[in-house]
Amino acid sequence: MKKTVPDPPLTSIKTVLTPFGTCDAPHGPLFAVLGGIGIHDALVHTSLYLRCVLATSQEAVPHTGEAGRGMLWSAVHSAEMAKALVDGLLDGLEAEQDKAGG
């Protein structure tokens, strides 16, 4: 079945206001992702944050006791997988933009 309405361009996808940073206090969250940030910019920043998580976690491994080292390596590998997924999305988004001439 052929769609009669085309999908909106990926570049029109934006973030929505998303609070985070609760600390079991009687006030609301301390931080929030702002609404209206384009998907490309949000993914670029996500990739940068994940790179920082990877670098920090890898540096922490030698300073971590044996009991926690396995958990820290698990966090490193999870962040590495998340970064690869985000980078793959960025590459795909940029390829679509190049195809569309944008």
C-alpha atoms as a PDB file:
ATOM      1  CA  MET A   1       0.000   0.000   0.000  1.00  0.00           C
ATOM      2  CA  LYS A   2       1.391   3.376  -0.976  1.00  0.00           C
ATOM      3  CA  LYS A   3       1.419   6.175   1.602  1.00  0.00           C
ATOM      4  CA  THR A   4      -0.473   9.300   0.593  1.00  0.00           C
ATOM      5  CA  VAL A   5       1.290  11.546   3.117  1.00  0.00           C
ATOM      6  CA  PRO A   6       5.103  11.602   3.067  1.00  0.00           C
ATOM      7  CA  ASP A   7       7.086  11.266   6.268  1.00  0.00           C
ATOM      8  CA  PRO A   8       8.368  14.550   7.678  1.00  0.00           C
ATOM      9  CA  PRO A   9      12.071  15.149   7.083  1.00  0.00           C
ATOM     10  CA  LEU A  10      14.297  13.784   9.841  1.00  0.00           C
ATOM     11  CA  THR A  11      15.726  17.249  10.384  1.00  0.00           C
ATOM     12  CA  SER A  12      12.318  18.406  11.660  1.00  0.00           C
ATOM     13  CA  ILE A  13      12.588  16.084  14.694  1.00  0.00           C
ATOM     14  CA  LYS A  14      13.271  18.116  17.847  1.00  0.00           C
ATOM     15  CA  THR A  15      13.734  17.376  21.528  1.00  0.00           C
ATOM     16  CA  VAL A  16      10.977  17.967  24.051  1.00  0.00           C
ATOM     17  CA  LEU A  17      11.515  19.363  27.543  1.00  0.00           C
ATOM     18  CA  THR A  18      12.782  16.423  29.637  1.00  0.00           C
ATOM     19  CA  PRO A  19      13.641  17.041  33.310  1.00  0.00           C
ATOM     20  CA  PHE A  20      16.335  14.959  35.038  1.00  0.00           C
ATOM     21  CA  GLY A  21      18.502  15.104  38.129  1.00  0.00           C
ATOM     22  CA  THR A  22      16.145  14.240  40.966  1.00  0.00           C
ATOM     23  CA  CYS A  23      17.859  13.868  44.301  1.00  0.00           C
ATOM     24  CA  ASP A  24      15.124  12.654  46.689  1.00  0.00           C
ATOM     25  CA  ALA A  25      14.521  16.226  47.833  1.00  0.00           C
ATOM     26  CA  PRO A  26      11.198  18.021  48.225  1.00  0.00           C
ATOM     27  CA  HIS A  27      11.853  20.048  45.068  1.00  0.00           C
ATOM     28  CA  GLY A  28      11.639  19.126  41.411  1.00  0.00           C
ATOM     29  CA  PRO A  29      14.501  17.988  39.165  1.00  0.00           C
ATOM     30  CA  LEU A  30      17.574  20.216  39.030  1.00  0.00           C
ATOM     31  CA  PHE A  31      18.192  19.980  35.276  1.00  0.00           C
ATOM     32  CA  ALA A  32      16.366  19.485  31.999  1.00  0.00           C
ATOM     33  CA  VAL A  33      16.972  18.845  28.330  1.00  0.00           C
ATOM     34  CA  LEU A  34      15.497  21.866  26.583  1.00  0.00           C
ATOM     35  CA  GLY A  35      12.786  21.447  24.018  1.00  0.00           C
ATOM     36  CA  GLY A  36      13.338  22.443  20.408  1.00  0.00           C
ATOM     37  CA  ILE A  37      16.892  21.135  19.920  1.00  0.00           C
ATOM     38  CA  GLY A  38      17.328  19.544  16.478  1.00  0.00           C
ATOM     39  CA  ILE A  39      18.010  15.824  16.233  1.00  0.00           C
ATOM     40  CA  HIS A  40      21.451  16.291  14.671  1.00  0.00           C
ATOM     41  CA  ASP A  41      22.679  18.634  17.418  1.00  0.00           C
ATOM     42  CA  ALA A  42      21.218  16.412  20.144  1.00  0.00           C
ATOM     43  CA  LEU A  43      22.921  13.322  18.719  1.00  0.00           C
ATOM     44  CA  VAL A  44      26.265  15.122  18.345  1.00  0.00           C
ATOM     45  CA  HIS A  45      26.163  16.170  21.997  1.00  0.00           C
ATOM     46  CA  THR A  46      25.077  12.687  23.063  1.00  0.00           C
ATOM     47  CA  SER A  47      28.074  11.209  21.252  1.00  0.00           C
ATOM     48  CA  LEU A  48      30.396  13.697  22.970  1.00  0.00           C
ATOM     49  CA  TYR A  49      28.932  12.912  26.406  1.00  0.00           C
ATOM     50  CA  LEU A  50      29.338   9.180  25.784  1.00  0.00           C
ATOM     51  CA  ARG A  51      32.954   9.727  24.716  1.00  0.00           C
ATOM     52  CA  CYS A  52      33.530  11.460  28.070  1.00  0.00           C
ATOM     53  CA  VAL A  53      31.856   8.591  29.950  1.00  0.00           C
ATOM     54  CA  LEU A  54      34.103   6.107  28.143  1.00  0.00           C
ATOM     55  CA  ALA A  55      37.289   8.060  28.810  1.00  0.00           C
ATOM     56  CA  THR A  56      36.465   8.623  32.483  1.00  0.00           C
ATOM     57  CA  SER A  57      35.371   5.026  33.062  1.00  0.00           C
ATOM     58  CA  GLN A  58      38.438   3.565  31.358  1.00  0.00           C
ATOM     59  CA  GLU A  59      40.696   5.790  33.479  1.00  0.00           C
ATOM     60  CA  ALA A  60      38.855   4.686  36.628  1.00  0.00           C
ATOM     61  CA  VAL A  61      39.325   0.932  36.042  1.00  0.00           C
ATOM     62  CA  PRO A  62      42.896   0.752  37.442  1.00  0.00           C
ATOM     63  CA  HIS A  63      41.755   2.676  40.539  1.00  0.00           C
ATOM     64  CA  THR A  64      38.812   0.372  41.223  1.00  0.00           C
ATOM     65  CA  GLY A  65      38.929  -2.589  43.571  1.00  0.00           C
ATOM     66  CA  GLU A  66      38.598  -6.088  42.174  1.00  0.00           C
ATOM     67  CA  ALA A  67      34.990  -6.405  43.361  1.00  0.00           C
ATOM     68  CA  GLY A  68      33.831  -3.382  41.352  1.00  0.00           C
ATOM     69  CA  ARG A  69      36.072  -3.746  38.325  1.00  0.00           C
ATOM     70  CA  GLY A  70      33.740  -6.116  36.475  1.00  0.00           C
ATOM     71  CA  MET A  71      30.808  -3.744  36.968  1.00  0.00           C
ATOM     72  CA  LEU A  72      32.882  -0.819  35.747  1.00  0.00           C
ATOM     73  CA  TRP A  73      33.959  -2.753  32.639  1.00  0.00           C
ATOM     74  CA  SER A  74      30.292  -3.568  32.039  1.00  0.00           C
ATOM     75  CA  ALA A  75      29.504   0.172  32.174  1.00  0.00           C
ATOM     76  CA  VAL A  76      32.389   0.879  29.769  1.00  0.00           C
ATOM     77  CA  HIS A  77      31.101  -1.687  27.266  1.00  0.00           C
ATOM     78  CA  SER A  78      27.504  -0.432  27.594  1.00  0.00           C
ATOM     79  CA  ALA A  79      28.616   3.154  26.950  1.00  0.00           C
ATOM     80  CA  GLU A  80      30.701   1.967  24.013  1.00  0.00           C
ATOM     81  CA  MET A  81      27.666   0.235  22.485  1.00  0.00           C
ATOM     82  CA  ALA A  82      25.452   3.283  23.078  1.00  0.00           C
ATOM     83  CA  LYS A  83      28.059   5.556  21.451  1.00  0.00           C
ATOM     84  CA  ALA A  84      28.303   3.254  18.428  1.00  0.00           C
ATOM     85  CA  LEU A  85      24.520   3.325  18.062  1.00  0.00           C
ATOM     86  CA  VAL A  86      24.401   7.135  18.319  1.00  0.00           C
ATOM     87  CA  ASP A  87      27.299   7.498  15.867  1.00  0.00           C
ATOM     88  CA  GLY A  88      25.545   5.104  13.479  1.00  0.00           C
ATOM     89  CA  LEU A  89      22.389   7.231  13.696  1.00  0.00           C
ATOM     90  CA  LEU A  90      24.425  10.382  13.050  1.00  0.00           C
ATOM     91  CA  ASP A  91      26.096   8.821  10.020  1.00  0.00           C
ATOM     92  CA  GLY A  92      22.710   7.707   8.691  1.00  0.00           C
ATOM     93  CA  LEU A  93      21.160  11.130   9.298  1.00  0.00           C
ATOM     94  CA  GLU A  94      24.048  12.879   7.566  1.00  0.00           C
ATOM     95  CA  ALA A  95      23.820  10.455   4.612  1.00  0.00           C
ATOM     96  CA  GLU A  96      20.083  11.228   4.288  1.00  0.00           C
ATOM     97  CA  GLN A  97      20.809  14.970   4.403  1.00  0.00           C
ATOM     98  CA  ASP A  98      23.490  14.592   1.715  1.00  0.00           C
ATOM     99  CA  LYS A  99      21.051  12.635  -0.471  1.00  0.00           C
ATOM    100  CA  ALA A 100      18.398  15.323   0.003  1.00  0.00           C
ATOM    101  CA  GLY A 101      20.930  18.039  -0.829  1.00  0.00           C
ATOM    102  CA  GLY A 102      20.831  19.566   2.629  1.00  0.00           C
END
